Amino acid sequence: MSRSKLVEANEKIAKNVTEGFNNMSDGVVSGYKKIENAVVGGYTKIEDKFVERYLAHEGESVEEAKARLKKEQEELNNRK
């Protein structure tokens, strides 16, 4: 009888520890994703402004300029 209570108590503790770990893990991953999205979003804004100001041709959108630059870079890499 005593053994059964110990086993039940051990299983209850294991369940609580596992749930606590999963909650903590979810919180850390969620926080990381928020930071990652903020950093990537900030970088993208800066990149778009740079392309718009210094690399885009007259009348060319940022997306068109990025596509053109990517194509030019691929052509350069293929020549090597």
PDB file of N, CA and C in Angstrom:
ATOM      1  N   MET A   1       0.829  -1.189   0.000  1.00  0.00           N
ATOM      2  CA  MET A   1       0.000   0.000   0.000  1.00  0.00           C
ATOM      3  C   MET A   1       0.875   1.254   0.000  1.00  0.00           C
ATOM      4  N   SER A   2       1.902   1.252   0.810  1.00  0.00           N
ATOM      5  CA  SER A   2       2.800   2.387   0.911  1.00  0.00           C
ATOM      6  C   SER A   2       3.512   2.622  -0.422  1.00  0.00           C
ATOM      7  N   ARG A   3       3.907   1.561  -1.055  1.00  0.00           N
ATOM      8  CA  ARG A   3       4.598   1.649  -2.343  1.00  0.00           C
ATOM      9  C   ARG A   3       3.688   2.311  -3.378  1.00  0.00           C
ATOM     10  N   SER A   4       2.430   1.975  -3.378  1.00  0.00           N
ATOM     11  CA  SER A   4       1.475   2.530  -4.320  1.00  0.00           C
ATOM     12  C   SER A   4       1.353   4.047  -4.139  1.00  0.00           C
ATOM     13  N   LYS A   5       1.341   4.506  -2.892  1.00  0.00           N
ATOM     14  CA  LYS A   5       1.259   5.948  -2.642  1.00  0.00           C
ATOM     15  C   LYS A   5       2.523   6.652  -3.110  1.00  0.00           C
ATOM     16  N   LEU A   6       3.672   6.014  -2.933  1.00  0.00           N
ATOM     17  CA  LEU A   6       4.923   6.601  -3.394  1.00  0.00           C
ATOM     18  C   LEU A   6       4.953   6.697  -4.919  1.00  0.00           C
ATOM     19  N   VAL A   7       4.484   5.668  -5.566  1.00  0.00           N
ATOM     20  CA  VAL A   7       4.452   5.670  -7.028  1.00  0.00           C
ATOM     21  C   VAL A   7       3.517   6.776  -7.525  1.00  0.00           C
ATOM     22  N   GLU A   8       2.347   6.893  -6.906  1.00  0.00           N
ATOM     23  CA  GLU A   8       1.396   7.936  -7.304  1.00  0.00           C
ATOM     24  C   GLU A   8       1.970   9.321  -7.062  1.00  0.00           C
ATOM     25  N   ALA A   9       2.614   9.521  -5.925  1.00  0.00           N
ATOM     26  CA  ALA A   9       3.218  10.818  -5.609  1.00  0.00           C
ATOM     27  C   ALA A   9       4.330  11.136  -6.598  1.00  0.00           C
ATOM     28  N   ASN A  10       5.133  10.133  -6.943  1.00  0.00           N
ATOM     29  CA  ASN A  10       6.223  10.321  -7.898  1.00  0.00           C
ATOM     30  C   ASN A  10       5.673  10.691  -9.275  1.00  0.00           C
ATOM     31  N   GLU A  11       4.611  10.028  -9.708  1.00  0.00           N
ATOM     32  CA  GLU A  11       4.012  10.334 -10.997  1.00  0.00           C
ATOM     33  C   GLU A  11       3.420  11.743 -11.016  1.00  0.00           C
ATOM     34  N   LYS A  12       2.815  12.139  -9.894  1.00  0.00           N
ATOM     35  CA  LYS A  12       2.241  13.478  -9.791  1.00  0.00           C
ATOM     36  C   LYS A  12       3.345  14.539  -9.869  1.00  0.00           C
ATOM     37  N   ILE A  13       4.444  14.297  -9.170  1.00  0.00           N
ATOM     38  CA  ILE A  13       5.578  15.225  -9.205  1.00  0.00           C
ATOM     39  C   ILE A  13       6.149  15.299 -10.612  1.00  0.00           C
ATOM     40  N   ALA A  14       6.310  14.137 -11.241  1.00  0.00           N
ATOM     41  CA  ALA A  14       6.859  14.107 -12.603  1.00  0.00           C
ATOM     42  C   ALA A  14       5.957  14.877 -13.565  1.00  0.00           C
ATOM     43  N   LYS A  15       4.665  14.725 -13.418  1.00  0.00           N
ATOM     44  CA  LYS A  15       3.719  15.428 -14.280  1.00  0.00           C
ATOM     45  C   LYS A  15       3.835  16.940 -14.083  1.00  0.00           C
ATOM     46  N   ASN A  16       3.914  17.377 -12.824  1.00  0.00           N
ATOM     47  CA  ASN A  16       4.023  18.815 -12.535  1.00  0.00           C
ATOM     48  C   ASN A  16       5.331  19.398 -13.057  1.00  0.00           C
ATOM     49  N   VAL A  17       6.416  18.650 -12.891  1.00  0.00           N
ATOM     50  CA  VAL A  17       7.714  19.123 -13.388  1.00  0.00           C
ATOM     51  C   VAL A  17       7.691  19.234 -14.904  1.00  0.00           C
ATOM     52  N   THR A  18       7.124  18.229 -15.563  1.00  0.00           N
ATOM     53  CA  THR A  18       7.050  18.236 -17.020  1.00  0.00           C
ATOM     54  C   THR A  18       6.195  19.401 -17.515  1.00  0.00           C
ATOM     55  N   GLU A  19       5.056  19.625 -16.894  1.00  0.00           N
ATOM     56  CA  GLU A  19       4.200  20.740 -17.285  1.00  0.00           C
ATOM     57  C   GLU A  19       4.906  22.077 -17.060  1.00  0.00           C
ATOM     58  N   GLY A  20       5.601  22.201 -15.939  1.00  0.00           N
ATOM     59  CA  GLY A  20       6.341  23.434 -15.654  1.00  0.00           C
ATOM     60  C   GLY A  20       7.423  23.681 -16.685  1.00  0.00           C
ATOM     61  N   PHE A  21       8.149  22.627 -17.038  1.00  0.00           N
ATOM     62  CA  PHE A  21       9.193  22.762 -18.053  1.00  0.00           C
ATOM     63  C   PHE A  21       8.595  23.166 -19.396  1.00  0.00           C
ATOM     64  N   ASN A  22       7.500  22.532 -19.772  1.00  0.00           N
ATOM     65  CA  ASN A  22       6.864  22.855 -21.057  1.00  0.00           C
ATOM     66  C   ASN A  22       6.369  24.301 -21.072  1.00  0.00           C
ATOM     67  N   ASN A  23       5.802  24.767 -19.979  1.00  0.00           N
ATOM     68  CA  ASN A  23       5.342  26.157 -19.904  1.00  0.00           C
ATOM     69  C   ASN A  23       6.513  27.126 -20.023  1.00  0.00           C
ATOM     70  N   MET A  24       7.601  26.819 -19.325  1.00  0.00           N
ATOM     71  CA  MET A  24       8.783  27.669 -19.385  1.00  0.00           C
ATOM     72  C   MET A  24       9.366  27.662 -20.795  1.00  0.00           C
ATOM     73  N   SER A  25       9.448  26.491 -21.396  1.00  0.00           N
ATOM     74  CA  SER A  25       9.976  26.370 -22.746  1.00  0.00           C
ATOM     75  C   SER A  25       9.123  27.161 -23.733  1.00  0.00           C
ATOM     76  N   ASP A  26       7.808  27.056 -23.623  1.00  0.00           N
ATOM     77  CA  ASP A  26       6.918  27.809 -24.506  1.00  0.00           C
ATOM     78  C   ASP A  26       7.119  29.309 -24.336  1.00  0.00           C
ATOM     79  N   GLY A  27       7.308  29.752 -23.095  1.00  0.00           N
ATOM     80  CA  GLY A  27       7.536  31.173 -22.833  1.00  0.00           C
ATOM     81  C   GLY A  27       8.833  31.665 -23.441  1.00  0.00           C
ATOM     82  N   VAL A  28       9.879  30.868 -23.330  1.00  0.00           N
ATOM     83  CA  VAL A  28      11.183  31.258 -23.889  1.00  0.00           C
ATOM     84  C   VAL A  28      11.106  31.305 -25.408  1.00  0.00           C
ATOM     85  N   VAL A  29      10.513  30.300 -26.017  1.00  0.00           N
ATOM     86  CA  VAL A  29      10.399  30.265 -27.475  1.00  0.00           C
ATOM     87  C   VAL A  29       9.536  31.420 -27.968  1.00  0.00           C
ATOM     88  N   SER A  30       8.446  31.698 -27.279  1.00  0.00           N
ATOM     89  CA  SER A  30       7.580  32.810 -27.658  1.00  0.00           C
ATOM     90  C   SER A  30       8.330  34.135 -27.578  1.00  0.00           C
ATOM     91  N   GLY A  31       9.076  34.337 -26.503  1.00  0.00           N
ATOM     92  CA  GLY A  31       9.863  35.559 -26.356  1.00  0.00           C
ATOM     93  C   GLY A  31      10.915  35.687 -27.433  1.00  0.00           C
ATOM     94  N   TYR A  32      11.579  34.581 -27.757  1.00  0.00           N
ATOM     95  CA  TYR A  32      12.601  34.589 -28.800  1.00  0.00           C
ATOM     96  C   TYR A  32      11.980  34.953 -30.143  1.00  0.00           C
ATOM     97  N   LYS A  33      10.823  34.367 -30.455  1.00  0.00           N
ATOM     98  CA  LYS A  33      10.173  34.650 -31.734  1.00  0.00           C
ATOM     99  C   LYS A  33       9.779  36.116 -31.842  1.00  0.00           C
ATOM    100  N   LYS A  34       9.326  36.720 -30.735  1.00  0.00           N
ATOM    101  CA  LYS A  34       8.967  38.141 -30.755  1.00  0.00           C
ATOM    102  C   LYS A  34      10.202  38.996 -31.042  1.00  0.00           C
ATOM    103  N   ILE A  35      11.303  38.670 -30.383  1.00  0.00           N
ATOM    104  CA  ILE A  35      12.545  39.417 -30.597  1.00  0.00           C
ATOM    105  C   ILE A  35      13.034  39.226 -32.028  1.00  0.00           C
ATOM    106  N   GLU A  36      12.996  37.984 -32.494  1.00  0.00           N
ATOM    107  CA  GLU A  36      13.441  37.687 -33.854  1.00  0.00           C
ATOM    108  C   GLU A  36      12.613  38.459 -34.881  1.00  0.00           C
ATOM    109  N   ASN A  37      11.305  38.470 -34.719  1.00  0.00           N
ATOM    110  CA  ASN A  37      10.440  39.188 -35.660  1.00  0.00           C
ATOM    111  C   ASN A  37      10.716  40.684 -35.634  1.00  0.00           C
ATOM    112  N   ALA A  38      10.975  41.226 -34.456  1.00  0.00           N
ATOM    113  CA  ALA A  38      11.274  42.657 -34.347  1.00  0.00           C
ATOM    114  C   ALA A  38      12.593  42.987 -35.039  1.00  0.00           C
ATOM    115  N   VAL A  39      13.593  42.153 -34.838  1.00  0.00           N
ATOM    116  CA  VAL A  39      14.904  42.403 -35.441  1.00  0.00           C
ATOM    117  C   VAL A  39      14.833  42.269 -36.962  1.00  0.00           C
ATOM    118  N   VAL A  40      14.205  41.201 -37.431  1.00  0.00           N
ATOM    119  CA  VAL A  40      14.093  40.995 -38.874  1.00  0.00           C
ATOM    120  C   VAL A  40      13.264  42.102 -39.511  1.00  0.00           C
ATOM    121  N   GLY A  41      12.185  42.503 -38.850  1.00  0.00           N
ATOM    122  CA  GLY A  41      11.367  43.592 -39.377  1.00  0.00           C
ATOM    123  C   GLY A  41      12.146  44.899 -39.457  1.00  0.00           C
ATOM    124  N   GLY A  42      12.930  45.189 -38.422  1.00  0.00           N
ATOM    125  CA  GLY A  42      13.750  46.400 -38.428  1.00  0.00           C
ATOM    126  C   GLY A  42      14.804  46.363 -39.520  1.00  0.00           C
ATOM    127  N   TYR A  43      15.439  45.213 -39.683  1.00  0.00           N
ATOM    128  CA  TYR A  43      16.459  45.069 -40.729  1.00  0.00           C
ATOM    129  C   TYR A  43      15.833  45.262 -42.112  1.00  0.00           C
ATOM    130  N   THR A  44      14.671  44.673 -42.319  1.00  0.00           N
ATOM    131  CA  THR A  44      13.996  44.776 -43.615  1.00  0.00           C
ATOM    132  C   THR A  44      13.651  46.220 -43.941  1.00  0.00           C
ATOM    133  N   LYS A  45      13.208  46.975 -42.937  1.00  0.00           N
ATOM    134  CA  LYS A  45      12.895  48.392 -43.163  1.00  0.00           C
ATOM    135  C   LYS A  45      14.146  49.161 -43.589  1.00  0.00           C
ATOM    136  N   ILE A  46      15.249  48.910 -42.884  1.00  0.00           N
ATOM    137  CA  ILE A  46      16.503  49.595 -43.210  1.00  0.00           C
ATOM    138  C   ILE A  46      16.983  49.198 -44.598  1.00  0.00           C
ATOM    139  N   GLU A  47      16.902  47.904 -44.895  1.00  0.00           N
ATOM    140  CA  GLU A  47      17.325  47.414 -46.206  1.00  0.00           C
ATOM    141  C   GLU A  47      16.494  48.051 -47.324  1.00  0.00           C
ATOM    142  N   ASP A  48      15.187  48.109 -47.127  1.00  0.00           N
ATOM    143  CA  ASP A  48      14.311  48.697 -48.138  1.00  0.00           C
ATOM    144  C   ASP A  48      14.629  50.175 -48.359  1.00  0.00           C
ATOM    145  N   LYS A  49      14.866  50.907 -47.284  1.00  0.00           N
ATOM    146  CA  LYS A  49      15.207  52.329 -47.413  1.00  0.00           C
ATOM    147  C   LYS A  49      16.528  52.506 -48.162  1.00  0.00           C
ATOM    148  N   PHE A  50      17.510  51.658 -47.857  1.00  0.00           N
ATOM    149  CA  PHE A  50      18.813  51.742 -48.532  1.00  0.00           C
ATOM    150  C   PHE A  50      18.654  51.458 -50.018  1.00  0.00           C
ATOM    151  N   VAL A  51      17.941  50.394 -50.355  1.00  0.00           N
ATOM    152  CA  VAL A  51      17.732  50.042 -51.762  1.00  0.00           C
ATOM    153  C   VAL A  51      16.986  51.167 -52.473  1.00  0.00           C
ATOM    154  N   GLU A  52      15.957  51.688 -51.823  1.00  0.00           N
ATOM    155  CA  GLU A  52      15.166  52.761 -52.427  1.00  0.00           C
ATOM    156  C   GLU A  52      16.015  54.001 -52.689  1.00  0.00           C
ATOM    157  N   ARG A  53      16.869  54.334 -51.745  1.00  0.00           N
ATOM    158  CA  ARG A  53      17.627  55.577 -51.848  1.00  0.00           C
ATOM    159  C   ARG A  53      18.858  55.466 -52.745  1.00  0.00           C
ATOM    160  N   TYR A  54      19.583  54.338 -52.658  1.00  0.00           N
ATOM    161  CA  TYR A  54      20.884  54.262 -53.321  1.00  0.00           C
ATOM    162  C   TYR A  54      20.958  53.296 -54.501  1.00  0.00           C
ATOM    163  N   LEU A  55      20.089  52.316 -54.592  1.00  0.00           N
ATOM    164  CA  LEU A  55      20.264  51.279 -55.605  1.00  0.00           C
ATOM    165  C   LEU A  55      19.160  51.212 -56.651  1.00  0.00           C
ATOM    166  N   ALA A  56      17.986  51.751 -56.344  1.00  0.00           N
ATOM    167  CA  ALA A  56      16.871  51.687 -57.292  1.00  0.00           C
ATOM    168  C   ALA A  56      17.074  52.709 -58.404  1.00  0.00           C
ATOM    169  N   HIS A  57      16.730  52.296 -59.607  1.00  0.00           N
ATOM    170  CA  HIS A  57      16.770  53.210 -60.742  1.00  0.00           C
ATOM    171  C   HIS A  57      15.516  54.081 -60.725  1.00  0.00           C
ATOM    172  N   GLU A  58      15.539  55.117 -61.509  1.00  0.00           N
ATOM    173  CA  GLU A  58      14.406  56.042 -61.588  1.00  0.00           C
ATOM    174  C   GLU A  58      13.128  55.295 -61.976  1.00  0.00           C
ATOM    175  N   GLY A  59      12.078  55.445 -61.174  1.00  0.00           N
ATOM    176  CA  GLY A  59      10.796  54.823 -61.453  1.00  0.00           C
ATOM    177  C   GLY A  59      10.706  53.347 -61.084  1.00  0.00           C
ATOM    178  N   GLU A  60      11.756  52.802 -60.518  1.00  0.00           N
ATOM    179  CA  GLU A  60      11.797  51.380 -60.153  1.00  0.00           C
ATOM    180  C   GLU A  60      11.376  51.212 -58.690  1.00  0.00           C
ATOM    181  N   SER A  61      10.513  50.251 -58.428  1.00  0.00           N
ATOM    182  CA  SER A  61      10.099  50.005 -57.045  1.00  0.00           C
ATOM    183  C   SER A  61      11.201  49.267 -56.295  1.00  0.00           C
ATOM    184  N   VAL A  62      11.076  49.217 -54.990  1.00  0.00           N
ATOM    185  CA  VAL A  62      12.064  48.533 -54.157  1.00  0.00           C
ATOM    186  C   VAL A  62      12.111  47.043 -54.518  1.00  0.00           C
ATOM    187  N   GLU A  63      10.938  46.444 -54.706  1.00  0.00           N
ATOM    188  CA  GLU A  63      10.888  45.024 -55.044  1.00  0.00           C
ATOM    189  C   GLU A  63      11.545  44.748 -56.391  1.00  0.00           C
ATOM    190  N   GLU A  64      11.286  45.620 -57.355  1.00  0.00           N
ATOM    191  CA  GLU A  64      11.901  45.463 -58.672  1.00  0.00           C
ATOM    192  C   GLU A  64      13.412  45.631 -58.591  1.00  0.00           C
ATOM    193  N   ALA A  65      13.855  46.586 -57.795  1.00  0.00           N
ATOM    194  CA  ALA A  65      15.292  46.805 -57.633  1.00  0.00           C
ATOM    195  C   ALA A  65      15.959  45.603 -56.969  1.00  0.00           C
ATOM    196  N   LYS A  66      15.309  45.051 -55.955  1.00  0.00           N
ATOM    197  CA  LYS A  66      15.870  43.865 -55.288  1.00  0.00           C
ATOM    198  C   LYS A  66      15.955  42.687 -56.248  1.00  0.00           C
ATOM    199  N   ALA A  67      14.913  42.503 -57.064  1.00  0.00           N
ATOM    200  CA  ALA A  67      14.923  41.407 -58.037  1.00  0.00           C
ATOM    201  C   ALA A  67      16.036  41.612 -59.063  1.00  0.00           C
ATOM    202  N   ARG A  68      16.190  42.844 -59.532  1.00  0.00           N
ATOM    203  CA  ARG A  68      17.244  43.141 -60.499  1.00  0.00           C
ATOM    204  C   ARG A  68      18.621  42.894 -59.896  1.00  0.00           C
ATOM    205  N   LEU A  69      18.825  43.353 -58.669  1.00  0.00           N
ATOM    206  CA  LEU A  69      20.116  43.168 -58.008  1.00  0.00           C
ATOM    207  C   LEU A  69      20.411  41.690 -57.780  1.00  0.00           C
ATOM    208  N   LYS A  70      19.395  40.942 -57.417  1.00  0.00           N
ATOM    209  CA  LYS A  70      19.584  39.503 -57.206  1.00  0.00           C
ATOM    210  C   LYS A  70      19.978  38.823 -58.511  1.00  0.00           C
ATOM    211  N   LYS A  71      19.306  39.194 -59.592  1.00  0.00           N
ATOM    212  CA  LYS A  71      19.619  38.617 -60.904  1.00  0.00           C
ATOM    213  C   LYS A  71      21.036  38.975 -61.322  1.00  0.00           C
ATOM    214  N   GLU A  72      21.437  40.219 -61.117  1.00  0.00           N
ATOM    215  CA  GLU A  72      22.795  40.650 -61.456  1.00  0.00           C
ATOM    216  C   GLU A  72      23.832  39.889 -60.638  1.00  0.00           C
ATOM    217  N   GLN A  73      23.544  39.671 -59.367  1.00  0.00           N
ATOM    218  CA  GLN A  73      24.474  38.940 -58.513  1.00  0.00           C
ATOM    219  C   GLN A  73      24.609  37.485 -58.968  1.00  0.00           C
ATOM    220  N   GLU A  74      23.493  36.873 -59.344  1.00  0.00           N
ATOM    221  CA  GLU A  74      23.543  35.491 -59.831  1.00  0.00           C
ATOM    222  C   GLU A  74      24.352  35.393 -61.118  1.00  0.00           C
ATOM    223  N   GLU A  75      24.188  36.384 -62.012  1.00  0.00           N
ATOM    224  CA  GLU A  75      24.955  36.396 -63.242  1.00  0.00           C
ATOM    225  C   GLU A  75      26.454  36.524 -62.960  1.00  0.00           C
ATOM    226  N   LEU A  76      26.812  37.366 -62.014  1.00  0.00           N
ATOM    227  CA  LEU A  76      28.214  37.502 -61.627  1.00  0.00           C
ATOM    228  C   LEU A  76      28.764  36.199 -61.049  1.00  0.00           C
ATOM    229  N   ASN A  77      27.981  35.539 -60.237  1.00  0.00           N
ATOM    230  CA  ASN A  77      28.424  34.285 -59.630  1.00  0.00           C
ATOM    231  C   ASN A  77      28.571  33.176 -60.664  1.00  0.00           C
ATOM    232  N   ASN A  78      27.735  33.195 -61.685  1.00  0.00           N
ATOM    233  CA  ASN A  78      27.812  32.173 -62.738  1.00  0.00           C
ATOM    234  C   ASN A  78      29.023  32.366 -63.630  1.00  0.00           C
ATOM    235  N   ARG A  79      29.525  33.593 -63.737  1.00  0.00           N
ATOM    236  CA  ARG A  79      30.700  33.869 -64.559  1.00  0.00           C
ATOM    237  C   ARG A  79      31.975  33.326 -63.925  1.00  0.00           C
ATOM    238  N   LYS A  80      31.978  33.200 -62.619  1.00  0.00           N
ATOM    239  CA  LYS A  80      33.206  32.776 -61.908  1.00  0.00           C
ATOM    240  C   LYS A  80      33.472  31.333 -62.051  1.00  0.00           C
TER     241      LYS A  80
END
